[in-house]
Amino acid sequence: MKHYIKTLLLLVLYSAAVVAEDEPDKQCLQISSLTGDYFAQRLEGKTMGEMQQATPPEFMHTEFFRMIDLAINLAFTFPESQTEEQVEQAVYDNCLQHKEH
């Protein structure tokens, strides 16, 4: 699971727009927050397909869409025994680790 998360994070980090130098963790915060939101929806019974279909069409083919897609996929990699906060923290920490390289 960790390898999958690392791979997804690396893909979005390298393909995403450059984050301003004074806010190096903004992108990690966005990804972790979105992942936590989608994880909570998953715990409420929503499927991956339902979440993907709920993405507004105006986001298609944008950097933000890639971030949404990453967050949805990440939300389904964590065990349901974790809390939304634990998921957000794990994603944030992993993202920061990989941005430093």
Protein backbone atom coordinates (compact mmCIF):
# COMPACT_ATOMS: atom_id res chain seq x y z
CA MET A 1 0.00 0.00 0.00
CA LYS A 2 2.78 2.45 0.86
CA HIS A 3 4.40 1.94 -2.54
CA TYR A 4 1.09 2.68 -4.26
CA ILE A 5 0.65 5.87 -2.23
CA LYS A 6 4.20 6.99 -2.94
CA THR A 7 3.79 6.35 -6.65
CA LEU A 8 0.53 8.30 -6.83
CA LEU A 9 1.94 11.18 -4.85
CA LEU A 10 5.05 11.34 -6.99
CA LEU A 11 2.96 11.37 -10.15
CA VAL A 12 0.82 14.27 -9.04
CA LEU A 13 3.72 16.21 -7.56
CA TYR A 14 5.73 16.03 -10.76
CA SER A 15 2.77 16.79 -13.01
CA ALA A 16 1.17 19.54 -10.92
CA ALA A 17 1.72 23.24 -11.32
CA VAL A 18 4.61 24.83 -9.45
CA VAL A 19 3.65 25.90 -5.96
CA ALA A 20 4.82 29.32 -4.81
CA GLU A 21 8.11 29.23 -2.91
CA ASP A 22 6.61 30.90 0.15
CA GLU A 23 3.97 28.17 0.44
CA PRO A 24 5.81 24.89 -0.18
CA ASP A 25 3.25 22.80 1.66
CA LYS A 26 0.10 24.25 0.06
CA GLN A 27 -0.21 21.42 -2.45
CA CYS A 28 0.36 18.77 0.23
CA LEU A 29 -2.30 20.41 2.38
CA GLN A 30 -4.77 20.41 -0.52
CA ILE A 31 -4.12 16.76 -1.36
CA SER A 32 -4.38 15.63 2.25
CA SER A 33 -7.56 17.64 2.85
CA LEU A 34 -9.22 16.30 -0.28
CA THR A 35 -8.18 12.76 0.61
CA GLY A 36 -9.68 13.14 4.08
CA ASP A 37 -12.93 14.42 2.61
CA TYR A 38 -13.17 11.53 0.17
CA PHE A 39 -12.20 9.04 2.89
CA ALA A 40 -15.11 10.34 5.02
CA GLN A 41 -17.44 9.92 2.03
CA ARG A 42 -16.14 6.38 1.58
CA LEU A 43 -16.94 5.62 5.23
CA GLU A 44 -20.46 6.93 4.58
CA GLY A 45 -20.85 4.32 1.83
CA LYS A 46 -20.04 6.22 -1.35
CA THR A 47 -18.23 4.27 -4.04
CA MET A 48 -15.20 5.40 -5.99
CA GLY A 49 -17.33 5.67 -9.10
CA GLU A 50 -19.89 7.87 -7.38
CA MET A 51 -17.16 10.22 -6.20
CA GLN A 52 -15.53 10.37 -9.61
CA GLN A 53 -18.87 11.08 -11.30
CA ALA A 54 -19.58 13.89 -8.83
CA THR A 55 -16.51 15.80 -10.03
CA PRO A 56 -17.73 18.87 -11.94
CA PRO A 57 -16.99 18.64 -15.67
CA GLU A 58 -15.28 22.05 -15.69
CA PHE A 59 -12.41 20.49 -13.73
CA MET A 60 -11.73 17.87 -16.41
CA HIS A 61 -8.24 17.99 -17.89
CA THR A 62 -6.93 20.39 -15.23
CA GLU A 63 -4.27 20.07 -12.57
CA PHE A 64 -7.00 20.25 -9.94
CA PHE A 65 -8.76 17.28 -11.55
CA ARG A 66 -5.56 15.25 -11.22
CA MET A 67 -5.42 16.21 -7.56
CA ILE A 68 -9.08 15.17 -7.10
CA ASP A 69 -8.44 11.86 -8.85
CA LEU A 70 -5.37 11.23 -6.69
CA ALA A 71 -7.30 12.04 -3.52
CA ILE A 72 -10.15 9.69 -4.44
CA ASN A 73 -7.72 6.86 -5.19
CA LEU A 74 -5.79 7.47 -1.98
CA ALA A 75 -9.01 7.48 0.04
CA PHE A 76 -9.59 3.87 -0.99
CA THR A 77 -6.10 2.68 0.01
CA PHE A 78 -6.50 3.27 3.75
CA PRO A 79 -8.19 0.79 6.08
CA GLU A 80 -11.63 1.82 7.29
CA SER A 81 -10.38 1.52 10.87
CA GLN A 82 -8.48 4.78 10.49
CA THR A 83 -9.97 8.19 11.16
CA GLU A 84 -10.25 11.01 8.66
CA GLU A 85 -7.60 12.91 10.64
CA GLN A 86 -5.18 9.96 10.56
CA VAL A 87 -5.60 9.65 6.80
CA GLU A 88 -5.04 13.37 6.26
CA GLN A 89 -1.92 13.34 8.43
CA ALA A 90 -0.47 10.27 6.70
CA VAL A 91 -1.02 11.76 3.24
CA TYR A 92 0.36 15.15 4.29
CA ASP A 93 3.48 13.66 5.88
CA ASN A 94 4.14 11.40 2.89
CA CYS A 95 3.65 14.27 0.48
CA LEU A 96 6.08 16.52 2.35
CA GLN A 97 8.65 13.72 2.44
CA HIS A 98 8.54 13.36 -1.32
CA LYS A 99 8.55 17.08 -2.08
CA GLU A 100 11.89 17.42 -0.31
CA HIS A 101 13.59 15.07 -2.76
